[in-house]
Amino acid sequence: MRKADDLAVAEQTRIVKRVKGKEVEGITKTIPERVVSETAWSDGDMSRLSVESPFECYILHTNREQYADGTQ
């Protein structure tokens, strides 16, 4: 969070990280922010995906981790 962020829109977010092979859970405050497709992401940036569709459909979501050594 930045000093200029509006605390009224801050959300508590559960974050799970893998540290030395073990899952470590924590709670942090985040500020939702819309980004454009050209946004440059940095290592460690968090994202949340929200999808709205004008018609009924199915959405396939896969979560595939890639570790620092390049393995998946």
PDB file of N, CA and C in Angstrom:
ATOM      1  N   MET A   1       0.832  -1.181   0.000  1.00  0.00           N
ATOM      2  CA  MET A   1       0.000   0.000   0.000  1.00  0.00           C
ATOM      3  C   MET A   1       0.876   1.244   0.000  1.00  0.00           C
ATOM      4  N   ARG A   2       0.371   2.270  -0.668  1.00  0.00           N
ATOM      5  CA  ARG A   2       1.093   3.540  -0.732  1.00  0.00           C
ATOM      6  C   ARG A   2       0.413   4.544   0.193  1.00  0.00           C
ATOM      7  N   LYS A   3       1.125   5.588   0.568  1.00  0.00           N
ATOM      8  CA  LYS A   3       0.555   6.610   1.457  1.00  0.00           C
ATOM      9  C   LYS A   3      -0.682   7.257   0.855  1.00  0.00           C
ATOM     10  N   ALA A   4      -0.728   7.406  -0.477  1.00  0.00           N
ATOM     11  CA  ALA A   4      -1.842   8.077  -1.144  1.00  0.00           C
ATOM     12  C   ALA A   4      -3.068   7.172  -1.321  1.00  0.00           C
ATOM     13  N   ASP A   5      -2.958   5.885  -0.997  1.00  0.00           N
ATOM     14  CA  ASP A   5      -4.078   4.963  -1.190  1.00  0.00           C
ATOM     15  C   ASP A   5      -5.233   5.292  -0.246  1.00  0.00           C
ATOM     16  N   ASP A   6      -6.446   5.148  -0.746  1.00  0.00           N
ATOM     17  CA  ASP A   6      -7.655   5.381   0.043  1.00  0.00           C
ATOM     18  C   ASP A   6      -7.913   4.150   0.912  1.00  0.00           C
ATOM     19  N   LEU A   7      -7.772   4.274   2.212  1.00  0.00           N
ATOM     20  CA  LEU A   7      -7.934   3.137   3.116  1.00  0.00           C
ATOM     21  C   LEU A   7      -9.365   2.621   3.157  1.00  0.00           C
ATOM     22  N   ALA A   8     -10.334   3.427   2.683  1.00  0.00           N
ATOM     23  CA  ALA A   8     -11.727   2.997   2.663  1.00  0.00           C
ATOM     24  C   ALA A   8     -11.956   1.846   1.685  1.00  0.00           C
ATOM     25  N   VAL A   9     -11.093   1.697   0.692  1.00  0.00           N
ATOM     26  CA  VAL A   9     -11.251   0.617  -0.284  1.00  0.00           C
ATOM     27  C   VAL A   9     -10.260  -0.526  -0.061  1.00  0.00           C
ATOM     28  N   ALA A  10      -9.470  -0.444   0.980  1.00  0.00           N
ATOM     29  CA  ALA A  10      -8.498  -1.505   1.278  1.00  0.00           C
ATOM     30  C   ALA A  10      -9.228  -2.798   1.623  1.00  0.00           C
ATOM     31  N   GLU A  11      -8.710  -3.900   1.113  1.00  0.00           N
ATOM     32  CA  GLU A  11      -9.274  -5.217   1.381  1.00  0.00           C
ATOM     33  C   GLU A  11      -8.233  -6.078   2.077  1.00  0.00           C
ATOM     34  N   GLN A  12      -8.689  -6.869   3.046  1.00  0.00           N
ATOM     35  CA  GLN A  12      -7.785  -7.839   3.652  1.00  0.00           C
ATOM     36  C   GLN A  12      -7.721  -9.034   2.717  1.00  0.00           C
ATOM     37  N   THR A  13      -6.527  -9.474   2.406  1.00  0.00           N
ATOM     38  CA  THR A  13      -6.324 -10.555   1.458  1.00  0.00           C
ATOM     39  C   THR A  13      -5.471 -11.633   2.090  1.00  0.00           C
ATOM     40  N   ARG A  14      -5.917 -12.887   1.954  1.00  0.00           N
ATOM     41  CA  ARG A  14      -5.156 -14.029   2.449  1.00  0.00           C
ATOM     42  C   ARG A  14      -4.123 -14.391   1.386  1.00  0.00           C
ATOM     43  N   ILE A  15      -2.871 -14.439   1.783  1.00  0.00           N
ATOM     44  CA  ILE A  15      -1.771 -14.750   0.879  1.00  0.00           C
ATOM     45  C   ILE A  15      -1.087 -16.025   1.379  1.00  0.00           C
ATOM     46  N   VAL A  16      -0.883 -16.970   0.463  1.00  0.00           N
ATOM     47  CA  VAL A  16      -0.157 -18.189   0.799  1.00  0.00           C
ATOM     48  C   VAL A  16       1.095 -18.228  -0.059  1.00  0.00           C
ATOM     49  N   LYS A  17       2.249 -18.347   0.589  1.00  0.00           N
ATOM     50  CA  LYS A  17       3.528 -18.419  -0.112  1.00  0.00           C
ATOM     51  C   LYS A  17       4.187 -19.749   0.200  1.00  0.00           C
ATOM     52  N   ARG A  18       5.001 -20.226  -0.712  1.00  0.00           N
ATOM     53  CA  ARG A  18       5.772 -21.440  -0.474  1.00  0.00           C
ATOM     54  C   ARG A  18       7.187 -21.020  -0.122  1.00  0.00           C
ATOM     55  N   VAL A  19       7.610 -21.334   1.113  1.00  0.00           N
ATOM     56  CA  VAL A  19       8.942 -20.986   1.597  1.00  0.00           C
ATOM     57  C   VAL A  19       9.646 -22.271   2.009  1.00  0.00           C
ATOM     58  N   LYS A  20      10.731 -22.558   1.322  1.00  0.00           N
ATOM     59  CA  LYS A  20      11.517 -23.770   1.593  1.00  0.00           C
ATOM     60  C   LYS A  20      10.642 -25.022   1.616  1.00  0.00           C
ATOM     61  N   GLY A  21       9.734 -25.111   0.641  1.00  0.00           N
ATOM     62  CA  GLY A  21       8.898 -26.304   0.497  1.00  0.00           C
ATOM     63  C   GLY A  21       7.674 -26.348   1.387  1.00  0.00           C
ATOM     64  N   LYS A  22       7.476 -25.340   2.245  1.00  0.00           N
ATOM     65  CA  LYS A  22       6.312 -25.335   3.135  1.00  0.00           C
ATOM     66  C   LYS A  22       5.440 -24.130   2.830  1.00  0.00           C
ATOM     67  N   GLU A  23       4.111 -24.318   2.957  1.00  0.00           N
ATOM     68  CA  GLU A  23       3.189 -23.215   2.732  1.00  0.00           C
ATOM     69  C   GLU A  23       3.117 -22.334   3.972  1.00  0.00           C
ATOM     70  N   VAL A  24       3.273 -21.025   3.771  1.00  0.00           N
ATOM     71  CA  VAL A  24       3.204 -20.054   4.850  1.00  0.00           C
ATOM     72  C   VAL A  24       2.059 -19.097   4.519  1.00  0.00           C
ATOM     73  N   GLU A  25       1.109 -18.985   5.433  1.00  0.00           N
ATOM     74  CA  GLU A  25      -0.076 -18.164   5.195  1.00  0.00           C
ATOM     75  C   GLU A  25       0.034 -16.848   5.955  1.00  0.00           C
ATOM     76  N   GLY A  26      -0.438 -15.779   5.330  1.00  0.00           N
ATOM     77  CA  GLY A  26      -0.441 -14.475   5.968  1.00  0.00           C
ATOM     78  C   GLY A  26      -1.612 -13.647   5.471  1.00  0.00           C
ATOM     79  N   ILE A  27      -1.915 -12.585   6.167  1.00  0.00           N
ATOM     80  CA  ILE A  27      -2.973 -11.651   5.785  1.00  0.00           C
ATOM     81  C   ILE A  27      -2.321 -10.300   5.488  1.00  0.00           C
ATOM     82  N   THR A  28      -2.706  -9.691   4.387  1.00  0.00           N
ATOM     83  CA  THR A  28      -2.182  -8.385   4.026  1.00  0.00           C
ATOM     84  C   THR A  28      -3.322  -7.508   3.520  1.00  0.00           C
ATOM     85  N   LYS A  29      -3.126  -6.217   3.507  1.00  0.00           N
ATOM     86  CA  LYS A  29      -4.128  -5.306   2.968  1.00  0.00           C
ATOM     87  C   LYS A  29      -3.727  -4.935   1.547  1.00  0.00           C
ATOM     88  N   THR A  30      -4.696  -4.969   0.642  1.00  0.00           N
ATOM     89  CA  THR A  30      -4.443  -4.620  -0.747  1.00  0.00           C
ATOM     90  C   THR A  30      -5.466  -3.590  -1.213  1.00  0.00           C
ATOM     91  N   ILE A  31      -5.105  -2.855  -2.245  1.00  0.00           N
ATOM     92  CA  ILE A  31      -5.989  -1.868  -2.868  1.00  0.00           C
ATOM     93  C   ILE A  31      -6.272  -2.352  -4.283  1.00  0.00           C
ATOM     94  N   PRO A  32      -7.548  -2.651  -4.621  1.00  0.00           N
ATOM     95  CA  PRO A  32      -7.842  -3.059  -5.997  1.00  0.00           C
ATOM     96  C   PRO A  32      -7.570  -1.918  -6.977  1.00  0.00           C
ATOM     97  N   GLU A  33      -7.034  -2.264  -8.121  1.00  0.00           N
ATOM     98  CA  GLU A  33      -6.662  -1.253  -9.108  1.00  0.00           C
ATOM     99  C   GLU A  33      -6.805  -1.853 -10.502  1.00  0.00           C
ATOM    100  N   ARG A  34      -7.515  -1.159 -11.391  1.00  0.00           N
ATOM    101  CA  ARG A  34      -7.639  -1.626 -12.778  1.00  0.00           C
ATOM    102  C   ARG A  34      -6.335  -1.336 -13.515  1.00  0.00           C
ATOM    103  N   VAL A  35      -5.966  -2.273 -14.376  1.00  0.00           N
ATOM    104  CA  VAL A  35      -4.773  -2.086 -15.189  1.00  0.00           C
ATOM    105  C   VAL A  35      -5.121  -2.340 -16.651  1.00  0.00           C
ATOM    106  N   VAL A  36      -4.315  -1.831 -17.542  1.00  0.00           N
ATOM    107  CA  VAL A  36      -4.510  -2.054 -18.971  1.00  0.00           C
ATOM    108  C   VAL A  36      -3.625  -3.217 -19.413  1.00  0.00           C
ATOM    109  N   SER A  37      -3.890  -3.733 -20.603  1.00  0.00           N
ATOM    110  CA  SER A  37      -3.145  -4.905 -21.067  1.00  0.00           C
ATOM    111  C   SER A  37      -1.659  -4.640 -21.248  1.00  0.00           C
ATOM    112  N   GLU A  38      -1.266  -3.401 -21.406  1.00  0.00           N
ATOM    113  CA  GLU A  38       0.154  -3.067 -21.597  1.00  0.00           C
ATOM    114  C   GLU A  38       0.894  -2.868 -20.275  1.00  0.00           C
ATOM    115  N   THR A  39       0.249  -3.075 -19.154  1.00  0.00           N
ATOM    116  CA  THR A  39       0.873  -2.872 -17.852  1.00  0.00           C
ATOM    117  C   THR A  39       2.080  -3.794 -17.685  1.00  0.00           C
ATOM    118  N   ALA A  40       3.187  -3.236 -17.250  1.00  0.00           N
ATOM    119  CA  ALA A  40       4.394  -4.021 -16.980  1.00  0.00           C
ATOM    120  C   ALA A  40       4.324  -4.550 -15.553  1.00  0.00           C
ATOM    121  N   TRP A  41       4.482  -5.849 -15.389  1.00  0.00           N
ATOM    122  CA  TRP A  41       4.435  -6.484 -14.077  1.00  0.00           C
ATOM    123  C   TRP A  41       5.853  -6.762 -13.599  1.00  0.00           C
ATOM    124  N   SER A  42       6.043  -6.645 -12.309  1.00  0.00           N
ATOM    125  CA  SER A  42       7.336  -6.947 -11.703  1.00  0.00           C
ATOM    126  C   SER A  42       7.231  -8.237 -10.910  1.00  0.00           C
ATOM    127  N   ASP A  43       8.355  -8.879 -10.686  1.00  0.00           N
ATOM    128  CA  ASP A  43       8.375 -10.087  -9.881  1.00  0.00           C
ATOM    129  C   ASP A  43       7.813  -9.773  -8.503  1.00  0.00           C
ATOM    130  N   GLY A  44       6.863 -10.556  -8.043  1.00  0.00           N
ATOM    131  CA  GLY A  44       6.258 -10.343  -6.730  1.00  0.00           C
ATOM    132  C   GLY A  44       4.944  -9.580  -6.768  1.00  0.00           C
ATOM    133  N   ASP A  45       4.596  -8.974  -7.918  1.00  0.00           N
ATOM    134  CA  ASP A  45       3.308  -8.290  -8.037  1.00  0.00           C
ATOM    135  C   ASP A  45       2.185  -9.304  -7.899  1.00  0.00           C
ATOM    136  N   MET A  46       1.094  -8.888  -7.277  1.00  0.00           N
ATOM    137  CA  MET A  46      -0.071  -9.754  -7.114  1.00  0.00           C
ATOM    138  C   MET A  46      -1.150  -9.326  -8.095  1.00  0.00           C
ATOM    139  N   SER A  47      -1.958 -10.282  -8.509  1.00  0.00           N
ATOM    140  CA  SER A  47      -3.066  -9.949  -9.391  1.00  0.00           C
ATOM    141  C   SER A  47      -4.294 -10.764  -8.990  1.00  0.00           C
ATOM    142  N   ARG A  48      -5.447 -10.226  -9.326  1.00  0.00           N
ATOM    143  CA  ARG A  48      -6.706 -10.934  -9.125  1.00  0.00           C
ATOM    144  C   ARG A  48      -7.495 -10.754 -10.411  1.00  0.00           C
ATOM    145  N   LEU A  49      -8.037 -11.824 -10.915  1.00  0.00           N
ATOM    146  CA  LEU A  49      -8.749 -11.789 -12.174  1.00  0.00           C
ATOM    147  C   LEU A  49     -10.250 -11.745 -11.923  1.00  0.00           C
ATOM    148  N   SER A  50     -10.912 -10.816 -12.582  1.00  0.00           N
ATOM    149  CA  SER A  50     -12.368 -10.703 -12.519  1.00  0.00           C
ATOM    150  C   SER A  50     -12.882 -10.745 -13.948  1.00  0.00           C
ATOM    151  N   VAL A  51     -13.847 -11.623 -14.204  1.00  0.00           N
ATOM    152  CA  VAL A  51     -14.374 -11.788 -15.559  1.00  0.00           C
ATOM    153  C   VAL A  51     -15.869 -11.515 -15.554  1.00  0.00           C
ATOM    154  N   GLU A  52     -16.307 -10.672 -16.475  1.00  0.00           N
ATOM    155  CA  GLU A  52     -17.731 -10.407 -16.661  1.00  0.00           C
ATOM    156  C   GLU A  52     -18.080 -10.768 -18.097  1.00  0.00           C
ATOM    157  N   SER A  53     -19.158 -11.509 -18.275  1.00  0.00           N
ATOM    158  CA  SER A  53     -19.567 -11.919 -19.609  1.00  0.00           C
ATOM    159  C   SER A  53     -20.993 -11.444 -19.881  1.00  0.00           C
ATOM    160  N   PRO A  54     -21.262 -10.965 -21.093  1.00  0.00           N
ATOM    161  CA  PRO A  54     -22.606 -10.510 -21.424  1.00  0.00           C
ATOM    162  C   PRO A  54     -23.576 -11.669 -21.681  1.00  0.00           C
ATOM    163  N   PHE A  55     -23.084 -12.894 -21.659  1.00  0.00           N
ATOM    164  CA  PHE A  55     -23.942 -14.058 -21.884  1.00  0.00           C
ATOM    165  C   PHE A  55     -23.460 -15.223 -21.032  1.00  0.00           C
ATOM    166  N   GLU A  56     -24.301 -16.241 -20.870  1.00  0.00           N
ATOM    167  CA  GLU A  56     -23.963 -17.408 -20.071  1.00  0.00           C
ATOM    168  C   GLU A  56     -22.878 -18.212 -20.777  1.00  0.00           C
ATOM    169  N   CYS A  57     -21.830 -18.584 -20.043  1.00  0.00           N
ATOM    170  CA  CYS A  57     -20.728 -19.325 -20.653  1.00  0.00           C
ATOM    171  C   CYS A  57     -19.945 -20.068 -19.577  1.00  0.00           C
ATOM    172  N   TYR A  58     -18.977 -20.859 -20.004  1.00  0.00           N
ATOM    173  CA  TYR A  58     -18.057 -21.539 -19.111  1.00  0.00           C
ATOM    174  C   TYR A  58     -16.701 -20.862 -19.218  1.00  0.00           C
ATOM    175  N   ILE A  59     -15.999 -20.825 -18.105  1.00  0.00           N
ATOM    176  CA  ILE A  59     -14.642 -20.271 -18.100  1.00  0.00           C
ATOM    177  C   ILE A  59     -13.716 -21.341 -17.537  1.00  0.00           C
ATOM    178  N   LEU A  60     -12.670 -21.650 -18.261  1.00  0.00           N
ATOM    179  CA  LEU A  60     -11.685 -22.628 -17.815  1.00  0.00           C
ATOM    180  C   LEU A  60     -10.498 -21.876 -17.230  1.00  0.00           C
ATOM    181  N   HIS A  61     -10.177 -22.181 -15.990  1.00  0.00           N
ATOM    182  CA  HIS A  61      -9.061 -21.513 -15.311  1.00  0.00           C
ATOM    183  C   HIS A  61      -8.077 -22.576 -14.864  1.00  0.00           C
ATOM    184  N   THR A  62      -6.822 -22.415 -15.218  1.00  0.00           N
ATOM    185  CA  THR A  62      -5.789 -23.329 -14.745  1.00  0.00           C
ATOM    186  C   THR A  62      -4.766 -22.541 -13.940  1.00  0.00           C
ATOM    187  N   ASN A  63      -4.272 -23.148 -12.901  1.00  0.00           N
ATOM    188  CA  ASN A  63      -3.272 -22.526 -12.045  1.00  0.00           C
ATOM    189  C   ASN A  63      -2.035 -23.410 -12.098  1.00  0.00           C
ATOM    190  N   ARG A  64      -0.998 -22.898 -12.680  1.00  0.00           N
ATOM    191  CA  ARG A  64       0.219 -23.675 -12.852  1.00  0.00           C
ATOM    192  C   ARG A  64       1.394 -22.856 -12.351  1.00  0.00           C
ATOM    193  N   GLU A  65       2.027 -23.317 -11.293  1.00  0.00           N
ATOM    194  CA  GLU A  65       3.143 -22.584 -10.707  1.00  0.00           C
ATOM    195  C   GLU A  65       4.421 -22.829 -11.488  1.00  0.00           C
ATOM    196  N   GLN A  66       5.263 -21.831 -11.539  1.00  0.00           N
ATOM    197  CA  GLN A  66       6.608 -21.991 -12.068  1.00  0.00           C
ATOM    198  C   GLN A  66       7.572 -21.519 -10.987  1.00  0.00           C
ATOM    199  N   TYR A  67       8.452 -22.397 -10.590  1.00  0.00           N
ATOM    200  CA  TYR A  67       9.369 -22.096  -9.502  1.00  0.00           C
ATOM    201  C   TYR A  67      10.603 -21.331 -10.012  1.00  0.00           C
ATOM    202  N   ALA A  68      11.365 -20.797  -9.089  1.00  0.00           N
ATOM    203  CA  ALA A  68      12.528 -19.972  -9.426  1.00  0.00           C
ATOM    204  C   ALA A  68      13.538 -20.707 -10.304  1.00  0.00           C
ATOM    205  N   ASP A  69      13.630 -22.045 -10.154  1.00  0.00           N
ATOM    206  CA  ASP A  69      14.582 -22.809 -10.971  1.00  0.00           C
ATOM    207  C   ASP A  69      14.017 -23.167 -12.351  1.00  0.00           C
ATOM    208  N   GLY A  70      12.787 -22.698 -12.646  1.00  0.00           N
ATOM    209  CA  GLY A  70      12.194 -22.932 -13.961  1.00  0.00           C
ATOM    210  C   GLY A  70      11.320 -24.159 -14.048  1.00  0.00           C
ATOM    211  N   THR A  71      11.329 -25.024 -13.021  1.00  0.00           N
ATOM    212  CA  THR A  71      10.478 -26.207 -13.046  1.00  0.00           C
ATOM    213  C   THR A  71       9.027 -25.813 -12.750  1.00  0.00           C
ATOM    214  N   GLN A  72       8.114 -26.703 -13.152  1.00  0.00           N
ATOM    215  CA  GLN A  72       6.685 -26.430 -12.929  1.00  0.00           C
ATOM    216  C   GLN A  72       6.063 -27.496 -12.081  1.00  0.00           C
TER     217      GLN A  72
END
